[in-house]
PDB file of all heavy atoms in Angstrom:
ATOM      1  N   LEU A   1     169.277  29.769 -44.618  1.00  0.00           N
ATOM      2  CA  LEU A   1     169.506  28.823 -45.760  1.00  0.00           C
ATOM      3  C   LEU A   1     168.284  28.086 -46.024  1.00  0.00           C
ATOM      4  O   LEU A   1     167.797  28.048 -47.183  1.00  0.00           O
ATOM      5  CB  LEU A   1     170.768  28.010 -45.594  1.00  0.00           C
ATOM      6  CG  LEU A   1     171.076  27.016 -46.773  1.00  0.00           C
ATOM      7  CD1 LEU A   1     171.269  27.878 -48.040  1.00  0.00           C
ATOM      8  CD2 LEU A   1     172.216  26.232 -46.447  1.00  0.00           C
ATOM      9  N   ALA A   2     167.857  27.427 -45.047  1.00  0.00           N
ATOM     10  CA  ALA A   2     166.624  26.549 -45.249  1.00  0.00           C
ATOM     11  C   ALA A   2     165.472  27.361 -45.642  1.00  0.00           C
ATOM     12  O   ALA A   2     164.749  27.041 -46.592  1.00  0.00           O
ATOM     13  CB  ALA A   2     166.324  25.736 -43.953  1.00  0.00           C
ATOM     14  N   GLU A   3     165.129  28.438 -45.033  1.00  0.00           N
ATOM     15  CA  GLU A   3     164.050  29.280 -45.328  1.00  0.00           C
ATOM     16  C   GLU A   3     164.110  29.843 -46.793  1.00  0.00           C
ATOM     17  O   GLU A   3     163.202  29.877 -47.567  1.00  0.00           O
ATOM     18  CB  GLU A   3     163.799  30.479 -44.387  1.00  0.00           C
ATOM     19  CG  GLU A   3     162.723  31.388 -44.696  1.00  0.00           C
ATOM     20  CD  GLU A   3     162.646  32.600 -43.747  1.00  0.00           C
ATOM     21  OE1 GLU A   3     163.462  32.674 -42.849  1.00  0.00           O
ATOM     22  OE2 GLU A   3     161.705  33.438 -44.075  1.00  0.00           O
ATOM     23  N   SER A   4     165.269  30.390 -47.182  1.00  0.00           N
ATOM     24  CA  SER A   4     165.501  30.821 -48.437  1.00  0.00           C
ATOM     25  C   SER A   4     165.345  29.841 -49.558  1.00  0.00           C
ATOM     26  O   SER A   4     164.636  30.020 -50.584  1.00  0.00           O
ATOM     27  CB  SER A   4     166.982  31.522 -48.602  1.00  0.00           C
ATOM     28  OG  SER A   4     167.161  32.484 -47.540  1.00  0.00           O
ATOM     29  N   LEU A   5     165.936  28.636 -49.319  1.00  0.00           N
ATOM     30  CA  LEU A   5     165.833  27.551 -50.357  1.00  0.00           C
ATOM     31  C   LEU A   5     164.282  27.113 -50.398  1.00  0.00           C
ATOM     32  O   LEU A   5     163.776  26.837 -51.515  1.00  0.00           O
ATOM     33  CB  LEU A   5     166.619  26.413 -50.031  1.00  0.00           C
ATOM     34  CG  LEU A   5     166.701  25.317 -51.078  1.00  0.00           C
ATOM     35  CD1 LEU A   5     167.141  25.814 -52.431  1.00  0.00           C
ATOM     36  CD2 LEU A   5     167.659  24.179 -50.594  1.00  0.00           C
ATOM     37  N   GLN A   6     163.678  27.058 -49.243  1.00  0.00           N
ATOM     38  CA  GLN A   6     162.280  26.555 -49.168  1.00  0.00           C
ATOM     39  C   GLN A   6     161.286  27.545 -50.071  1.00  0.00           C
ATOM     40  O   GLN A   6     160.571  27.136 -50.722  1.00  0.00           O
ATOM     41  CB  GLN A   6     161.664  26.471 -47.861  1.00  0.00           C
ATOM     42  CG  GLN A   6     160.357  25.952 -47.723  1.00  0.00           C
ATOM     43  CD  GLN A   6     159.800  25.703 -46.380  1.00  0.00           C
ATOM     44  OE1 GLN A   6     160.376  26.224 -45.376  1.00  0.00           O
ATOM     45  NE2 GLN A   6     158.795  24.889 -46.108  1.00  0.00           N
ATOM     46  N   LEU A   7     161.619  28.883 -49.952  1.00  0.00           N
ATOM     47  CA  LEU A   7     160.872  29.775 -50.763  1.00  0.00           C
ATOM     48  C   LEU A   7     161.099  29.617 -52.213  1.00  0.00           C
ATOM     49  O   LEU A   7     160.256  29.640 -52.944  1.00  0.00           O
ATOM     50  CB  LEU A   7     161.298  31.222 -50.452  1.00  0.00           C
ATOM     51  CG  LEU A   7     160.829  31.687 -49.000  1.00  0.00           C
ATOM     52  CD1 LEU A   7     161.534  33.105 -48.658  1.00  0.00           C
ATOM     53  CD2 LEU A   7     159.423  31.980 -49.013  1.00  0.00           C
ATOM     54  N   CYS A   8     162.253  29.134 -52.650  1.00  0.00           N
ATOM     55  CA  CYS A   8     162.488  28.850 -54.023  1.00  0.00           C
ATOM     56  C   CYS A   8     161.961  27.646 -54.478  1.00  0.00           C
ATOM     57  O   CYS A   8     161.692  27.407 -55.712  1.00  0.00           O
ATOM     58  CB  CYS A   8     163.994  28.821 -54.301  1.00  0.00           C
ATOM     59  SG  CYS A   8     164.892  30.328 -53.995  1.00  0.00           S
ATOM     60  N   LEU A   9     161.675  26.620 -53.612  1.00  0.00           N
ATOM     61  CA  LEU A   9     161.235  25.367 -53.966  1.00  0.00           C
ATOM     62  C   LEU A   9     159.614  25.222 -53.916  1.00  0.00           C
ATOM     63  O   LEU A   9     159.037  24.175 -54.226  1.00  0.00           O
ATOM     64  CB  LEU A   9     161.723  24.258 -53.058  1.00  0.00           C
ATOM     65  CG  LEU A   9     163.202  24.131 -53.115  1.00  0.00           C
ATOM     66  CD1 LEU A   9     163.792  23.069 -52.169  1.00  0.00           C
ATOM     67  CD2 LEU A   9     163.806  23.883 -54.480  1.00  0.00           C
ATOM     68  N   LEU A  10     158.917  26.269 -53.639  1.00  0.00           N
ATOM     69  CA  LEU A  10     157.464  26.245 -53.430  1.00  0.00           C
ATOM     70  C   LEU A  10     156.671  26.187 -54.778  1.00  0.00           C
ATOM     71  O   LEU A  10     155.639  25.699 -54.820  1.00  0.00           O
ATOM     72  CB  LEU A  10     157.020  27.528 -52.611  1.00  0.00           C
ATOM     73  CG  LEU A  10     157.380  27.584 -51.189  1.00  0.00           C
ATOM     74  CD1 LEU A  10     156.977  28.874 -50.555  1.00  0.00           C
ATOM     75  CD2 LEU A  10     156.623  26.443 -50.420  1.00  0.00           C
ATOM     76  N   ASP A  11     157.390  26.667 -55.863  1.00  0.00           N
ATOM     77  CA  ASP A  11     156.669  26.715 -57.159  1.00  0.00           C
ATOM     78  C   ASP A  11     157.003  25.567 -58.068  1.00  0.00           C
ATOM     79  O   ASP A  11     158.113  25.539 -58.630  1.00  0.00           O
ATOM     80  CB  ASP A  11     157.030  28.080 -57.837  1.00  0.00           C
ATOM     81  CG  ASP A  11     156.327  28.231 -59.126  1.00  0.00           C
ATOM     82  OD1 ASP A  11     155.370  27.437 -59.505  1.00  0.00           O
ATOM     83  OD2 ASP A  11     156.587  29.297 -59.722  1.00  0.00           O
ATOM     84  N   PRO A  12     156.267  24.540 -58.157  1.00  0.00           N
ATOM     85  CA  PRO A  12     156.596  23.414 -59.015  1.00  0.00           C
ATOM     86  C   PRO A  12     156.893  23.714 -60.414  1.00  0.00           C
ATOM     87  O   PRO A  12     157.773  23.194 -61.103  1.00  0.00           O
ATOM     88  CB  PRO A  12     155.343  22.574 -58.886  1.00  0.00           C
ATOM     89  CG  PRO A  12     154.405  22.965 -57.741  1.00  0.00           C
ATOM     90  CD  PRO A  12     154.869  24.387 -57.528  1.00  0.00           C
ATOM     91  N   GLU A  13     156.196  24.702 -60.923  1.00  0.00           N
ATOM     92  CA  GLU A  13     156.279  25.121 -62.339  1.00  0.00           C
ATOM     93  C   GLU A  13     157.781  25.605 -62.582  1.00  0.00           C
ATOM     94  O   GLU A  13     158.358  25.321 -63.508  1.00  0.00           O
ATOM     95  CB  GLU A  13     155.385  26.049 -62.861  1.00  0.00           C
ATOM     96  CG  GLU A  13     155.370  26.422 -64.234  1.00  0.00           C
ATOM     97  CD  GLU A  13     154.240  27.382 -64.598  1.00  0.00           C
ATOM     98  OE1 GLU A  13     153.040  27.187 -64.241  1.00  0.00           O
ATOM     99  OE2 GLU A  13     154.539  28.473 -65.252  1.00  0.00           O
ATOM    100  N   SER A  14     158.225  26.430 -61.609  1.00  0.00           N
ATOM    101  CA  SER A  14     159.515  27.073 -61.742  1.00  0.00           C
ATOM    102  C   SER A  14     160.579  25.945 -61.517  1.00  0.00           C
ATOM    103  O   SER A  14     161.630  25.941 -62.218  1.00  0.00           O
ATOM    104  CB  SER A  14     159.737  28.040 -60.618  1.00  0.00           C
ATOM    105  OG  SER A  14     161.094  28.633 -60.658  1.00  0.00           O
ATOM    106  N   LEU A  15     160.304  24.999 -60.639  1.00  0.00           N
ATOM    107  CA  LEU A  15     161.317  23.898 -60.520  1.00  0.00           C
ATOM    108  C   LEU A  15     161.445  23.114 -61.785  1.00  0.00           C
ATOM    109  O   LEU A  15     162.564  22.794 -62.218  1.00  0.00           O
ATOM    110  CB  LEU A  15     160.855  22.945 -59.453  1.00  0.00           C
ATOM    111  CG  LEU A  15     161.026  23.460 -57.971  1.00  0.00           C
ATOM    112  CD1 LEU A  15     160.369  22.506 -57.016  1.00  0.00           C
ATOM    113  CD2 LEU A  15     162.486  23.671 -57.668  1.00  0.00           C
ATOM    114  N   ARG A  16     160.330  22.834 -62.446  1.00  0.00           N
ATOM    115  CA  ARG A  16     160.402  22.183 -63.727  1.00  0.00           C
ATOM    116  C   ARG A  16     161.038  22.947 -64.921  1.00  0.00           C
ATOM    117  O   ARG A  16     161.709  22.474 -65.682  1.00  0.00           O
ATOM    118  CB  ARG A  16     159.115  21.622 -64.172  1.00  0.00           C
ATOM    119  CG  ARG A  16     158.526  20.458 -63.387  1.00  0.00           C
ATOM    120  CD  ARG A  16     157.239  19.853 -63.902  1.00  0.00           C
ATOM    121  NE  ARG A  16     156.130  20.793 -63.930  1.00  0.00           N
ATOM    122  CZ  ARG A  16     155.366  21.028 -62.894  1.00  0.00           C
ATOM    123  NH1 ARG A  16     155.497  20.413 -61.703  1.00  0.00           N
ATOM    124  NH2 ARG A  16     154.381  21.848 -63.012  1.00  0.00           N
ATOM    125  N   GLU A  17     161.031  24.280 -64.716  1.00  0.00           N
ATOM    126  CA  GLU A  17     161.630  25.089 -65.712  1.00  0.00           C
ATOM    127  C   GLU A  17     163.163  25.145 -65.587  1.00  0.00           C
ATOM    128  O   GLU A  17     163.912  25.168 -66.493  1.00  0.00           O
ATOM    129  CB  GLU A  17     161.123  26.527 -65.476  1.00  0.00           C
ATOM    130  CG  GLU A  17     161.722  27.596 -66.245  1.00  0.00           C
ATOM    131  CD  GLU A  17     161.315  29.041 -65.868  1.00  0.00           C
ATOM    132  OE1 GLU A  17     160.206  29.234 -65.394  1.00  0.00           O
ATOM    133  OE2 GLU A  17     162.135  29.910 -66.012  1.00  0.00           O
ATOM    134  N   TRP A  18     163.654  24.847 -64.250  1.00  0.00           N
ATOM    135  CA  TRP A  18     165.103  24.987 -64.011  1.00  0.00           C
ATOM    136  C   TRP A  18     165.733  23.683 -63.874  1.00  0.00           C
ATOM    137  O   TRP A  18     166.989  23.484 -64.119  1.00  0.00           O
ATOM    138  CB  TRP A  18     165.334  25.758 -62.767  1.00  0.00           C
ATOM    139  CG  TRP A  18     165.247  27.245 -62.886  1.00  0.00           C
ATOM    140  CD1 TRP A  18     164.118  27.977 -62.822  1.00  0.00           C
ATOM    141  CD2 TRP A  18     166.286  28.113 -63.251  1.00  0.00           C
ATOM    142  NE1 TRP A  18     164.490  29.294 -62.969  1.00  0.00           N
ATOM    143  CE2 TRP A  18     165.774  29.411 -63.326  1.00  0.00           C
ATOM    144  CE3 TRP A  18     167.619  27.942 -63.552  1.00  0.00           C
ATOM    145  CZ2 TRP A  18     166.542  30.524 -63.711  1.00  0.00           C
ATOM    146  CZ3 TRP A  18     168.454  28.974 -63.929  1.00  0.00           C
ATOM    147  CH2 TRP A  18     167.862  30.276 -63.905  1.00  0.00           C
ATOM    148  N   TYR A  19     164.906  22.520 -63.470  1.00  0.00           N
ATOM    149  CA  TYR A  19     165.609  21.311 -63.175  1.00  0.00           C
ATOM    150  C   TYR A  19     164.942  20.141 -64.053  1.00  0.00           C
ATOM    151  O   TYR A  19     163.748  20.158 -64.258  1.00  0.00           O
ATOM    152  CB  TYR A  19     165.387  20.908 -61.791  1.00  0.00           C
ATOM    153  CG  TYR A  19     166.325  21.656 -60.882  1.00  0.00           C
ATOM    154  CD1 TYR A  19     165.975  22.931 -60.306  1.00  0.00           C
ATOM    155  CD2 TYR A  19     167.650  21.293 -60.580  1.00  0.00           C
ATOM    156  CE1 TYR A  19     166.725  23.628 -59.530  1.00  0.00           C
ATOM    157  CE2 TYR A  19     168.603  22.040 -59.893  1.00  0.00           C
ATOM    158  CZ  TYR A  19     168.133  23.212 -59.309  1.00  0.00           C
ATOM    159  OH  TYR A  19     168.843  23.978 -58.498  1.00  0.00           O
ATOM    160  N   TYR A  20     165.805  19.242 -64.394  1.00  0.00           N
ATOM    161  CA  TYR A  20     165.327  17.993 -65.137  1.00  0.00           C
ATOM    162  C   TYR A  20     164.643  17.040 -64.030  1.00  0.00           C
ATOM    163  O   TYR A  20     164.800  17.159 -62.881  1.00  0.00           O
ATOM    164  CB  TYR A  20     166.360  17.249 -65.874  1.00  0.00           C
ATOM    165  CG  TYR A  20     166.882  18.057 -67.125  1.00  0.00           C
ATOM    166  CD1 TYR A  20     168.071  18.584 -67.156  1.00  0.00           C
ATOM    167  CD2 TYR A  20     166.035  18.161 -68.272  1.00  0.00           C
ATOM    168  CE1 TYR A  20     168.579  19.348 -68.122  1.00  0.00           C
ATOM    169  CE2 TYR A  20     166.540  18.839 -69.452  1.00  0.00           C
ATOM    170  CZ  TYR A  20     167.804  19.364 -69.346  1.00  0.00           C
ATOM    171  OH  TYR A  20     168.195  20.132 -70.418  1.00  0.00           O
ATOM    172  N   ALA A  21     164.119  15.997 -64.446  1.00  0.00           N
ATOM    173  CA  ALA A  21     163.264  15.029 -63.731  1.00  0.00           C
ATOM    174  C   ALA A  21     164.088  14.417 -62.620  1.00  0.00           C
ATOM    175  O   ALA A  21     163.455  13.979 -61.580  1.00  0.00           O
ATOM    176  CB  ALA A  21     162.645  14.002 -64.548  1.00  0.00           C
ATOM    177  N   ARG A  22     165.349  14.178 -62.753  1.00  0.00           N
ATOM    178  CA  ARG A  22     166.186  13.411 -61.749  1.00  0.00           C
ATOM    179  C   ARG A  22     166.531  14.274 -60.471  1.00  0.00           C
ATOM    180  O   ARG A  22     167.066  13.875 -59.514  1.00  0.00           O
ATOM    181  CB  ARG A  22     167.448  12.899 -62.248  1.00  0.00           C
ATOM    182  CG  ARG A  22     167.239  11.771 -63.278  1.00  0.00           C
ATOM    183  CD  ARG A  22     168.574  11.176 -63.804  1.00  0.00           C
ATOM    184  NE  ARG A  22     169.515  12.222 -64.161  1.00  0.00           N
ATOM    185  CZ  ARG A  22     170.790  12.073 -64.033  1.00  0.00           C
ATOM    186  NH1 ARG A  22     171.342  10.895 -63.602  1.00  0.00           N
ATOM    187  NH2 ARG A  22     171.564  13.060 -64.260  1.00  0.00           N
ATOM    188  N   SER A  23     166.191  15.642 -60.588  1.00  0.00           N
ATOM    189  CA  SER A  23     166.554  16.511 -59.479  1.00  0.00           C
ATOM    190  C   SER A  23     165.823  16.137 -58.239  1.00  0.00           C
ATOM    191  O   SER A  23     164.557  15.719 -58.227  1.00  0.00           O
ATOM    192  CB  SER A  23     166.289  17.928 -59.771  1.00  0.00           C
ATOM    193  OG  SER A  23     166.403  18.744 -58.625  1.00  0.00           O
ATOM    194  N   PRO A  24     166.442  16.007 -57.040  1.00  0.00           N
ATOM    195  CA  PRO A  24     165.719  15.649 -55.830  1.00  0.00           C
ATOM    196  C   PRO A  24     164.746  16.728 -55.433  1.00  0.00           C
ATOM    197  O   PRO A  24     163.891  16.385 -54.744  1.00  0.00           O
ATOM    198  CB  PRO A  24     166.843  15.518 -54.815  1.00  0.00           C
ATOM    199  CG  PRO A  24     168.022  16.199 -55.443  1.00  0.00           C
ATOM    200  CD  PRO A  24     167.892  16.071 -56.868  1.00  0.00           C
ATOM    201  N   PHE A  25     164.901  17.895 -55.898  1.00  0.00           N
ATOM    202  CA  PHE A  25     163.956  19.006 -55.594  1.00  0.00           C
ATOM    203  C   PHE A  25     162.653  18.754 -56.215  1.00  0.00           C
ATOM    204  O   PHE A  25     161.597  19.339 -55.686  1.00  0.00           O
ATOM    205  CB  PHE A  25     164.586  20.359 -56.113  1.00  0.00           C
ATOM    206  CG  PHE A  25     165.764  20.772 -55.417  1.00  0.00           C
ATOM    207  CD1 PHE A  25     166.818  21.232 -56.176  1.00  0.00           C
ATOM    208  CD2 PHE A  25     165.978  20.549 -54.093  1.00  0.00           C
ATOM    209  CE1 PHE A  25     167.925  21.787 -55.608  1.00  0.00           C
ATOM    210  CE2 PHE A  25     167.145  21.065 -53.506  1.00  0.00           C
ATOM    211  CZ  PHE A  25     168.183  21.629 -54.277  1.00  0.00           C
TER     212      PHE A  25
END
């Protein structure tokens, strides 16, 4: 779980594409 999620959270551009500013990610 941690490794898989960490791989998804590495790209800040993708995070901003999927989440609004209040997301803890």
